[in-house]
Amino acid sequence: MGNPESQRVVITGISRGIGRATALAFARQGARVAGLHRNKNPRVTTDIEAAIRTAGGEPLIHVGNVSSTADIDRLATTAAGKWGGIDTWVNNAAQLFVKPFLDTTDEEWDRILNSNFLGYVRGARAAARFMVPAQHGQIINVGSAVEVLPPTDMTVYVSAKGAISSLTRALAVELGPSGVTVNTLAPGATDTPLNDESWTEEVRETYRSRIPLHRIAGSDDIADAIVAFSSHSMRYVTGQVIFVDGGLTLNGSVGHREVTTDL
């Protein structure tokens, strides 16, 4: 934690959406930012590297997959070796999956849980191997409001996001004595390339009408919350799931008629 310009940050799923926005938000504070993405097009890597440098940070970008323990461990070892440690690890990479439960296969469950949950396990483990000996560090998991507001046909995805919250609480207890905090920031409806694959305009309008702030989040809204949560002022917060959703999960309004009769 310490000063923002001294932060050594690792982000999975760094090339687009919340991951990219978070990388640039840290870079604007002068942080050193490492990350993993799975797009093998070299222009994707050079683009995010250039964007981080322009924003004021120092980049270290790897191509790989969170489904691979070797890829995750290599990223952590390289970042810690180059910068002398890791201060903040952001588990963010995920795949969207929308399909009726009765049509899902074992292979689909294995694939989504491998990336969306076990990818977080791999990331947290790789980070903790450097944080625990240093007696310092924080792991921030990007969860989702679907954990408490599950949409239909998303049981696989929702299950993975719910497991992240349990992982967060368990790791907070286990790693706390070593000075390592673990928290989840759970976005609500957020405009990202991932959601573009399944959202219709009707979905967008439904979200806008239900969110008390009456707007869908941008990736920057979530990224700014992640950076704020990484500050030294949050050093005593651990094991929490914080919803960054514009109030979506609070809204139980269904259109009651006014009743003023005294009981």
C-alpha atoms as a PDB file:
ATOM      1  CA  MET A   1       0.000   0.000   0.000  1.00  0.00           C
ATOM      2  CA  GLY A   2       1.956   3.114   0.816  1.00  0.00           C
ATOM      3  CA  ASN A   3       2.183   5.849  -1.808  1.00  0.00           C
ATOM      4  CA  PRO A   4       0.283   5.257  -5.086  1.00  0.00           C
ATOM      5  CA  GLU A   5       3.392   5.900  -7.165  1.00  0.00           C
ATOM      6  CA  SER A   6       5.200   3.062  -5.404  1.00  0.00           C
ATOM      7  CA  GLN A   7       2.447   0.489  -5.921  1.00  0.00           C
ATOM      8  CA  ARG A   8       3.263  -2.743  -7.699  1.00  0.00           C
ATOM      9  CA  VAL A   9       0.002  -3.966  -9.175  1.00  0.00           C
ATOM     10  CA  VAL A  10      -0.966  -7.133 -11.058  1.00  0.00           C
ATOM     11  CA  ILE A  11      -4.276  -7.368 -12.944  1.00  0.00           C
ATOM     12  CA  THR A  12      -5.705 -10.368 -14.781  1.00  0.00           C
ATOM     13  CA  GLY A  13      -7.828  -9.739 -17.864  1.00  0.00           C
ATOM     14  CA  ILE A  14      -5.973  -6.472 -18.405  1.00  0.00           C
ATOM     15  CA  SER A  15      -6.562  -5.804 -22.112  1.00  0.00           C
ATOM     16  CA  ARG A  16     -10.167  -4.612 -22.082  1.00  0.00           C
ATOM     17  CA  GLY A  17     -13.159  -3.596 -19.991  1.00  0.00           C
ATOM     18  CA  ILE A  18     -12.709  -3.266 -16.244  1.00  0.00           C
ATOM     19  CA  GLY A  19      -9.196  -4.721 -16.365  1.00  0.00           C
ATOM     20  CA  ARG A  20      -7.924  -2.134 -18.841  1.00  0.00           C
ATOM     21  CA  ALA A  21      -9.668   0.734 -17.068  1.00  0.00           C
ATOM     22  CA  THR A  22      -8.150  -0.380 -13.761  1.00  0.00           C
ATOM     23  CA  ALA A  23      -4.678  -0.595 -15.270  1.00  0.00           C
ATOM     24  CA  LEU A  24      -4.936   2.957 -16.574  1.00  0.00           C
ATOM     25  CA  ALA A  25      -6.382   4.258 -13.314  1.00  0.00           C
ATOM     26  CA  PHE A  26      -3.393   2.857 -11.417  1.00  0.00           C
ATOM     27  CA  ALA A  27      -1.014   4.117 -14.105  1.00  0.00           C
ATOM     28  CA  ARG A  28      -2.352   7.664 -13.734  1.00  0.00           C
ATOM     29  CA  GLN A  29      -1.092   7.490 -10.158  1.00  0.00           C
ATOM     30  CA  GLY A  30       2.342   6.406 -11.327  1.00  0.00           C
ATOM     31  CA  ALA A  31       1.989   2.745 -10.391  1.00  0.00           C
ATOM     32  CA  ARG A  32       3.889  -0.149 -11.902  1.00  0.00           C
ATOM     33  CA  VAL A  33       1.275  -2.316 -13.583  1.00  0.00           C
ATOM     34  CA  ALA A  34       1.648  -5.931 -14.667  1.00  0.00           C
ATOM     35  CA  GLY A  35      -1.086  -7.940 -16.294  1.00  0.00           C
ATOM     36  CA  LEU A  36      -2.250 -11.003 -18.150  1.00  0.00           C
ATOM     37  CA  HIS A  37      -4.494 -11.291 -21.188  1.00  0.00           C
ATOM     38  CA  ARG A  38      -5.176 -14.163 -23.562  1.00  0.00           C
ATOM     39  CA  ASN A  39      -5.293 -12.398 -26.944  1.00  0.00           C
ATOM     40  CA  LYS A  40      -2.277 -13.608 -28.914  1.00  0.00           C
ATOM     41  CA  ASN A  41      -2.370 -10.669 -31.322  1.00  0.00           C
ATOM     42  CA  PRO A  42       0.848  -8.765 -30.444  1.00  0.00           C
ATOM     43  CA  ARG A  43      -0.847  -5.450 -31.194  1.00  0.00           C
ATOM     44  CA  VAL A  44      -3.133  -5.978 -28.191  1.00  0.00           C
ATOM     45  CA  THR A  45      -0.107  -6.219 -25.908  1.00  0.00           C
ATOM     46  CA  THR A  46       1.698  -3.219 -27.407  1.00  0.00           C
ATOM     47  CA  ASP A  47      -1.505  -1.171 -27.226  1.00  0.00           C
ATOM     48  CA  ILE A  48      -2.043  -1.705 -23.495  1.00  0.00           C
ATOM     49  CA  GLU A  49       1.669  -1.197 -22.815  1.00  0.00           C
ATOM     50  CA  ALA A  50       1.607   2.124 -24.667  1.00  0.00           C
ATOM     51  CA  ALA A  51      -1.585   3.210 -22.904  1.00  0.00           C
ATOM     52  CA  ILE A  52      -0.093   2.480 -19.473  1.00  0.00           C
ATOM     53  CA  ARG A  53       3.086   4.402 -20.300  1.00  0.00           C
ATOM     54  CA  THR A  54       1.111   7.369 -21.628  1.00  0.00           C
ATOM     55  CA  ALA A  55      -0.955   7.413 -18.452  1.00  0.00           C
ATOM     56  CA  GLY A  56       2.221   7.581 -16.358  1.00  0.00           C
ATOM     57  CA  GLY A  57       2.804   3.984 -15.311  1.00  0.00           C
ATOM     58  CA  GLU A  58       5.340   1.260 -16.016  1.00  0.00           C
ATOM     59  CA  PRO A  59       3.875  -1.774 -17.835  1.00  0.00           C
ATOM     60  CA  LEU A  60       4.691  -5.470 -17.730  1.00  0.00           C
ATOM     61  CA  ILE A  61       2.249  -7.417 -19.892  1.00  0.00           C
ATOM     62  CA  HIS A  62       2.092 -11.176 -20.439  1.00  0.00           C
ATOM     63  CA  VAL A  63      -0.044 -13.241 -22.795  1.00  0.00           C
ATOM     64  CA  GLY A  64      -1.582 -16.201 -21.018  1.00  0.00           C
ATOM     65  CA  ASN A  65      -4.698 -17.714 -19.516  1.00  0.00           C
ATOM     66  CA  VAL A  66      -5.952 -17.741 -15.933  1.00  0.00           C
ATOM     67  CA  SER A  67      -6.895 -21.383 -16.522  1.00  0.00           C
ATOM     68  CA  SER A  68      -3.156 -22.119 -16.534  1.00  0.00           C
ATOM     69  CA  THR A  69      -1.331 -22.269 -13.214  1.00  0.00           C
ATOM     70  CA  ALA A  70       1.960 -21.947 -15.090  1.00  0.00           C
ATOM     71  CA  ASP A  71       0.851 -18.703 -16.780  1.00  0.00           C
ATOM     72  CA  ILE A  72      -0.308 -17.172 -13.506  1.00  0.00           C
ATOM     73  CA  ASP A  73       2.791 -18.209 -11.584  1.00  0.00           C
ATOM     74  CA  ARG A  74       5.073 -16.917 -14.330  1.00  0.00           C
ATOM     75  CA  LEU A  75       3.376 -13.516 -14.253  1.00  0.00           C
ATOM     76  CA  ALA A  76       3.677 -13.259 -10.475  1.00  0.00           C
ATOM     77  CA  THR A  77       7.303 -14.385 -10.428  1.00  0.00           C
ATOM     78  CA  THR A  78       8.290 -11.977 -13.193  1.00  0.00           C
ATOM     79  CA  ALA A  79       6.535  -8.982 -11.623  1.00  0.00           C
ATOM     80  CA  ALA A  80       7.882  -9.679  -8.135  1.00  0.00           C
ATOM     81  CA  GLY A  81      11.359 -10.344  -9.489  1.00  0.00           C
ATOM     82  CA  LYS A  82      11.454  -7.125 -11.483  1.00  0.00           C
ATOM     83  CA  TRP A  83       9.909  -4.851  -8.860  1.00  0.00           C
ATOM     84  CA  GLY A  84      10.874  -6.558  -5.623  1.00  0.00           C
ATOM     85  CA  GLY A  85       7.385  -7.655  -4.654  1.00  0.00           C
ATOM     86  CA  ILE A  86       3.656  -7.278  -5.284  1.00  0.00           C
ATOM     87  CA  ASP A  87       1.468  -4.840  -3.365  1.00  0.00           C
ATOM     88  CA  THR A  88      -1.915  -5.340  -5.026  1.00  0.00           C
ATOM     89  CA  TRP A  89      -3.277  -8.253  -7.033  1.00  0.00           C
ATOM     90  CA  VAL A  90      -6.588  -7.761  -8.865  1.00  0.00           C
ATOM     91  CA  ASN A  91      -8.359 -10.954  -9.949  1.00  0.00           C
ATOM     92  CA  ASN A  92     -10.559  -9.773 -12.795  1.00  0.00           C
ATOM     93  CA  ALA A  93     -10.457 -12.106 -15.821  1.00  0.00           C
ATOM     94  CA  ALA A  94     -13.699 -13.972 -16.478  1.00  0.00           C
ATOM     95  CA  GLN A  95     -15.849 -15.488 -19.206  1.00  0.00           C
ATOM     96  CA  LEU A  96     -19.550 -14.750 -19.615  1.00  0.00           C
ATOM     97  CA  PHE A  97     -21.843 -17.767 -19.930  1.00  0.00           C
ATOM     98  CA  VAL A  98     -25.603 -17.638 -20.518  1.00  0.00           C
ATOM     99  CA  LYS A  99     -27.438 -20.936 -20.991  1.00  0.00           C
ATOM    100  CA  PRO A 100     -30.434 -22.679 -19.351  1.00  0.00           C
ATOM    101  CA  PHE A 101     -29.302 -24.861 -16.440  1.00  0.00           C
ATOM    102  CA  LEU A 102     -30.882 -28.042 -17.799  1.00  0.00           C
ATOM    103  CA  ASP A 103     -28.949 -27.649 -21.049  1.00  0.00           C
ATOM    104  CA  THR A 104     -25.538 -27.236 -19.431  1.00  0.00           C
ATOM    105  CA  THR A 105     -22.931 -29.971 -19.605  1.00  0.00           C
ATOM    106  CA  ASP A 106     -20.225 -31.090 -17.209  1.00  0.00           C
ATOM    107  CA  GLU A 107     -17.644 -29.784 -19.656  1.00  0.00           C
ATOM    108  CA  GLU A 108     -19.225 -26.305 -19.613  1.00  0.00           C
ATOM    109  CA  TRP A 109     -19.297 -26.243 -15.816  1.00  0.00           C
ATOM    110  CA  ASP A 110     -15.654 -27.322 -15.747  1.00  0.00           C
ATOM    111  CA  ARG A 111     -14.650 -24.635 -18.248  1.00  0.00           C
ATOM    112  CA  ILE A 112     -16.397 -21.709 -16.571  1.00  0.00           C
ATOM    113  CA  LEU A 113     -15.463 -22.675 -13.015  1.00  0.00           C
ATOM    114  CA  ASN A 114     -11.876 -23.225 -14.165  1.00  0.00           C
ATOM    115  CA  SER A 115     -11.575 -19.665 -15.456  1.00  0.00           C
ATOM    116  CA  ASN A 116     -14.071 -17.687 -13.357  1.00  0.00           C
ATOM    117  CA  PHE A 117     -13.358 -19.284  -9.986  1.00  0.00           C
ATOM    118  CA  LEU A 118     -10.194 -21.382 -10.072  1.00  0.00           C
ATOM    119  CA  GLY A 119      -8.513 -18.554 -11.990  1.00  0.00           C
ATOM    120  CA  TYR A 120      -9.050 -16.436  -8.875  1.00  0.00           C
ATOM    121  CA  VAL A 121      -7.708 -19.226  -6.682  1.00  0.00           C
ATOM    122  CA  ARG A 122      -4.563 -19.402  -8.821  1.00  0.00           C
ATOM    123  CA  GLY A 123      -4.141 -15.642  -8.737  1.00  0.00           C
ATOM    124  CA  ALA A 124      -4.627 -15.345  -4.999  1.00  0.00           C
ATOM    125  CA  ARG A 125      -2.217 -18.207  -4.349  1.00  0.00           C
ATOM    126  CA  ALA A 126       0.457 -16.749  -6.621  1.00  0.00           C
ATOM    127  CA  ALA A 127       0.110 -13.329  -5.005  1.00  0.00           C
ATOM    128  CA  ALA A 128       0.099 -14.676  -1.456  1.00  0.00           C
ATOM    129  CA  ARG A 129       3.360 -16.537  -2.015  1.00  0.00           C
ATOM    130  CA  PHE A 130       5.062 -13.142  -2.259  1.00  0.00           C
ATOM    131  CA  MET A 131       2.805 -11.149   0.084  1.00  0.00           C
ATOM    132  CA  VAL A 132       2.930 -13.491   3.087  1.00  0.00           C
ATOM    133  CA  PRO A 133       6.739 -13.415   3.469  1.00  0.00           C
ATOM    134  CA  ALA A 134       6.624  -9.622   3.024  1.00  0.00           C
ATOM    135  CA  GLN A 135       3.881  -9.365   5.697  1.00  0.00           C
ATOM    136  CA  HIS A 136       2.073  -6.966   3.416  1.00  0.00           C
ATOM    137  CA  GLY A 137      -0.295  -6.879   0.437  1.00  0.00           C
ATOM    138  CA  GLN A 138      -3.855  -6.935  -0.737  1.00  0.00           C
ATOM    139  CA  ILE A 139      -5.870  -9.146  -3.016  1.00  0.00           C
ATOM    140  CA  ILE A 140      -8.902  -7.570  -4.663  1.00  0.00           C
ATOM    141  CA  ASN A 141     -11.378  -9.877  -6.378  1.00  0.00           C
ATOM    142  CA  VAL A 142     -13.810  -8.545  -8.957  1.00  0.00           C
ATOM    143  CA  GLY A 143     -17.100 -10.252  -8.158  1.00  0.00           C
ATOM    144  CA  SER A 144     -20.589  -9.431  -9.392  1.00  0.00           C
ATOM    145  CA  ALA A 145     -23.980  -8.284  -8.145  1.00  0.00           C
ATOM    146  CA  VAL A 146     -25.444 -11.393  -9.818  1.00  0.00           C
ATOM    147  CA  GLU A 147     -24.436 -13.169  -6.626  1.00  0.00           C
ATOM    148  CA  VAL A 148     -27.482 -11.630  -4.908  1.00  0.00           C
ATOM    149  CA  LEU A 149     -29.573 -10.795  -8.009  1.00  0.00           C
ATOM    150  CA  PRO A 150     -29.148 -13.895 -10.204  1.00  0.00           C
ATOM    151  CA  PRO A 151     -30.503 -13.535 -13.750  1.00  0.00           C
ATOM    152  CA  THR A 152     -32.181 -16.510 -15.353  1.00  0.00           C
ATOM    153  CA  ASP A 153     -30.054 -18.841 -17.505  1.00  0.00           C
ATOM    154  CA  MET A 154     -26.835 -17.808 -15.731  1.00  0.00           C
ATOM    155  CA  THR A 155     -26.558 -20.459 -13.016  1.00  0.00           C
ATOM    156  CA  VAL A 156     -23.012 -21.459 -13.983  1.00  0.00           C
ATOM    157  CA  TYR A 157     -21.742 -17.879 -14.003  1.00  0.00           C
ATOM    158  CA  VAL A 158     -23.606 -16.940 -10.804  1.00  0.00           C
ATOM    159  CA  SER A 159     -22.255 -19.993  -8.987  1.00  0.00           C
ATOM    160  CA  ALA A 160     -18.677 -19.008  -9.820  1.00  0.00           C
ATOM    161  CA  LYS A 161     -19.226 -15.435  -8.619  1.00  0.00           C
ATOM    162  CA  GLY A 162     -20.789 -16.670  -5.379  1.00  0.00           C
ATOM    163  CA  ALA A 163     -17.811 -18.929  -4.763  1.00  0.00           C
ATOM    164  CA  ILE A 164     -15.496 -15.914  -5.061  1.00  0.00           C
ATOM    165  CA  SER A 165     -17.161 -14.299  -2.046  1.00  0.00           C
ATOM    166  CA  SER A 166     -16.624 -17.427   0.047  1.00  0.00           C
ATOM    167  CA  LEU A 167     -13.007 -17.589  -1.113  1.00  0.00           C
ATOM    168  CA  THR A 168     -12.579 -13.950  -0.111  1.00  0.00           C
ATOM    169  CA  ARG A 169     -13.819 -14.486   3.427  1.00  0.00           C
ATOM    170  CA  ALA A 170     -11.805 -17.670   3.953  1.00  0.00           C
ATOM    171  CA  LEU A 171      -8.580 -16.124   2.669  1.00  0.00           C
ATOM    172  CA  ALA A 172      -9.111 -12.988   4.746  1.00  0.00           C
ATOM    173  CA  VAL A 173      -9.066 -15.164   7.864  1.00  0.00           C
ATOM    174  CA  GLU A 174      -6.146 -17.325   6.774  1.00  0.00           C
ATOM    175  CA  LEU A 175      -3.906 -14.581   5.368  1.00  0.00           C
ATOM    176  CA  GLY A 176      -4.811 -11.836   7.843  1.00  0.00           C
ATOM    177  CA  PRO A 177      -2.145 -12.790  10.402  1.00  0.00           C
ATOM    178  CA  SER A 178       0.441 -12.160   7.668  1.00  0.00           C
ATOM    179  CA  GLY A 179      -0.811  -8.633   7.049  1.00  0.00           C
ATOM    180  CA  VAL A 180      -2.566  -9.515   3.780  1.00  0.00           C
ATOM    181  CA  THR A 181      -6.102  -8.241   3.160  1.00  0.00           C
ATOM    182  CA  VAL A 182      -8.582  -9.880   0.795  1.00  0.00           C
ATOM    183  CA  ASN A 183     -11.763  -8.196  -0.424  1.00  0.00           C
ATOM    184  CA  THR A 184     -14.276  -8.449  -3.253  1.00  0.00           C
ATOM    185  CA  LEU A 185     -15.654  -5.495  -5.192  1.00  0.00           C
ATOM    186  CA  ALA A 186     -18.846  -6.614  -6.907  1.00  0.00           C
ATOM    187  CA  PRO A 187     -19.955  -4.482  -9.866  1.00  0.00           C
ATOM    188  CA  GLY A 188     -23.581  -4.171 -10.855  1.00  0.00           C
ATOM    189  CA  ALA A 189     -24.637  -3.486 -14.430  1.00  0.00           C
ATOM    190  CA  THR A 190     -21.501  -2.268 -16.203  1.00  0.00           C
ATOM    191  CA  ASP A 191     -20.899  -1.437 -19.856  1.00  0.00           C
ATOM    192  CA  THR A 192     -18.077  -3.767 -20.898  1.00  0.00           C
ATOM    193  CA  PRO A 193     -17.222  -5.758 -24.031  1.00  0.00           C
ATOM    194  CA  LEU A 194     -18.169  -8.882 -22.054  1.00  0.00           C
ATOM    195  CA  ASN A 195     -21.729  -7.689 -21.427  1.00  0.00           C
ATOM    196  CA  ASP A 196     -22.124  -6.400 -24.975  1.00  0.00           C
ATOM    197  CA  GLU A 197     -22.292 -10.042 -26.035  1.00  0.00           C
ATOM    198  CA  SER A 198     -25.596 -10.648 -24.227  1.00  0.00           C
ATOM    199  CA  TRP A 199     -27.273  -7.299 -23.546  1.00  0.00           C
ATOM    200  CA  THR A 200     -30.131  -6.023 -25.675  1.00  0.00           C
ATOM    201  CA  GLU A 201     -31.456  -2.461 -25.503  1.00  0.00           C
ATOM    202  CA  GLU A 202     -34.354  -3.839 -23.445  1.00  0.00           C
ATOM    203  CA  VAL A 203     -31.865  -5.194 -20.903  1.00  0.00           C
ATOM    204  CA  ARG A 204     -30.137  -1.817 -20.744  1.00  0.00           C
ATOM    205  CA  GLU A 205     -33.399   0.045 -20.215  1.00  0.00           C
ATOM    206  CA  THR A 206     -34.451  -2.360 -17.470  1.00  0.00           C
ATOM    207  CA  TYR A 207     -31.178  -1.766 -15.665  1.00  0.00           C
ATOM    208  CA  ARG A 208     -31.415   2.013 -16.043  1.00  0.00           C
ATOM    209  CA  SER A 209     -34.924   2.004 -14.597  1.00  0.00           C
ATOM    210  CA  ARG A 210     -33.966  -0.156 -11.601  1.00  0.00           C
ATOM    211  CA  ILE A 211     -30.667   1.463 -10.665  1.00  0.00           C
ATOM    212  CA  PRO A 212     -31.339   4.334  -8.215  1.00  0.00           C
ATOM    213  CA  LEU A 213     -28.653   6.449  -9.920  1.00  0.00           C
ATOM    214  CA  HIS A 214     -30.471   5.768 -13.235  1.00  0.00           C
ATOM    215  CA  ARG A 215     -27.370   5.011 -15.238  1.00  0.00           C
ATOM    216  CA  ILE A 216     -25.332   1.948 -16.103  1.00  0.00           C
ATOM    217  CA  ALA A 217     -21.752   2.005 -14.815  1.00  0.00           C
ATOM    218  CA  GLY A 218     -18.797   2.496 -17.090  1.00  0.00           C
ATOM    219  CA  SER A 219     -15.605   0.525 -16.615  1.00  0.00           C
ATOM    220  CA  ASP A 220     -14.009   3.650 -15.131  1.00  0.00           C
ATOM    221  CA  ASP A 221     -16.590   3.685 -12.320  1.00  0.00           C
ATOM    222  CA  ILE A 222     -15.472   0.231 -11.220  1.00  0.00           C
ATOM    223  CA  ALA A 223     -11.780   0.905 -11.829  1.00  0.00           C
ATOM    224  CA  ASP A 224     -11.841   4.028  -9.655  1.00  0.00           C
ATOM    225  CA  ALA A 225     -13.443   2.036  -6.840  1.00  0.00           C
ATOM    226  CA  ILE A 226     -10.740  -0.631  -7.092  1.00  0.00           C
ATOM    227  CA  VAL A 227      -7.975   1.975  -6.937  1.00  0.00           C
ATOM    228  CA  ALA A 228      -9.651   3.715  -4.003  1.00  0.00           C
ATOM    229  CA  PHE A 229      -9.934   0.383  -2.202  1.00  0.00           C
ATOM    230  CA  SER A 230      -6.228  -0.231  -2.692  1.00  0.00           C
ATOM    231  CA  SER A 231      -5.272   2.902  -0.781  1.00  0.00           C
ATOM    232  CA  HIS A 232      -3.596   2.854   2.622  1.00  0.00           C
ATOM    233  CA  SER A 233      -6.784   4.246   4.164  1.00  0.00           C
ATOM    234  CA  MET A 234      -8.471   0.851   3.558  1.00  0.00           C
ATOM    235  CA  ARG A 235      -5.748  -1.114   5.348  1.00  0.00           C
ATOM    236  CA  TYR A 236      -8.075  -2.354   8.137  1.00  0.00           C
ATOM    237  CA  VAL A 237     -10.814  -3.653   5.825  1.00  0.00           C
ATOM    238  CA  THR A 238     -10.705  -7.352   4.934  1.00  0.00           C
ATOM    239  CA  GLY A 239     -13.061 -10.189   4.085  1.00  0.00           C
ATOM    240  CA  GLN A 240     -15.726  -7.846   2.737  1.00  0.00           C
ATOM    241  CA  VAL A 241     -17.911  -7.930  -0.372  1.00  0.00           C
ATOM    242  CA  ILE A 242     -18.556  -4.346  -1.478  1.00  0.00           C
ATOM    243  CA  PHE A 243     -21.228  -3.774  -4.120  1.00  0.00           C
ATOM    244  CA  VAL A 244     -20.310  -1.074  -6.640  1.00  0.00           C
ATOM    245  CA  ASP A 245     -23.687  -1.029  -8.336  1.00  0.00           C
ATOM    246  CA  GLY A 246     -25.298   2.405  -8.126  1.00  0.00           C
ATOM    247  CA  GLY A 247     -27.744   0.980  -5.583  1.00  0.00           C
ATOM    248  CA  LEU A 248     -29.098  -1.773  -7.852  1.00  0.00           C
ATOM    249  CA  THR A 249     -29.061  -4.475  -5.175  1.00  0.00           C
ATOM    250  CA  LEU A 250     -30.913  -2.188  -2.747  1.00  0.00           C
ATOM    251  CA  ASN A 251     -33.896  -1.519  -4.950  1.00  0.00           C
ATOM    252  CA  GLY A 252     -36.927  -3.583  -3.989  1.00  0.00           C
ATOM    253  CA  SER A 253     -39.401  -1.172  -5.580  1.00  0.00           C
ATOM    254  CA  VAL A 254     -42.269  -2.907  -7.387  1.00  0.00           C
ATOM    255  CA  GLY A 255     -44.760  -0.023  -7.643  1.00  0.00           C
ATOM    256  CA  HIS A 256     -46.755  -0.077  -4.382  1.00  0.00           C
ATOM    257  CA  ARG A 257     -49.789   2.215  -4.188  1.00  0.00           C
ATOM    258  CA  GLU A 258     -49.687   4.958  -1.582  1.00  0.00           C
ATOM    259  CA  VAL A 259     -51.261   3.952   1.747  1.00  0.00           C
ATOM    260  CA  THR A 260     -51.710   6.554   4.480  1.00  0.00           C
ATOM    261  CA  THR A 261     -54.281   4.848   6.736  1.00  0.00           C
ATOM    262  CA  ASP A 262     -53.217   4.680  10.395  1.00  0.00           C
ATOM    263  CA  LEU A 263     -53.231   1.280  12.039  1.00  0.00           C
END
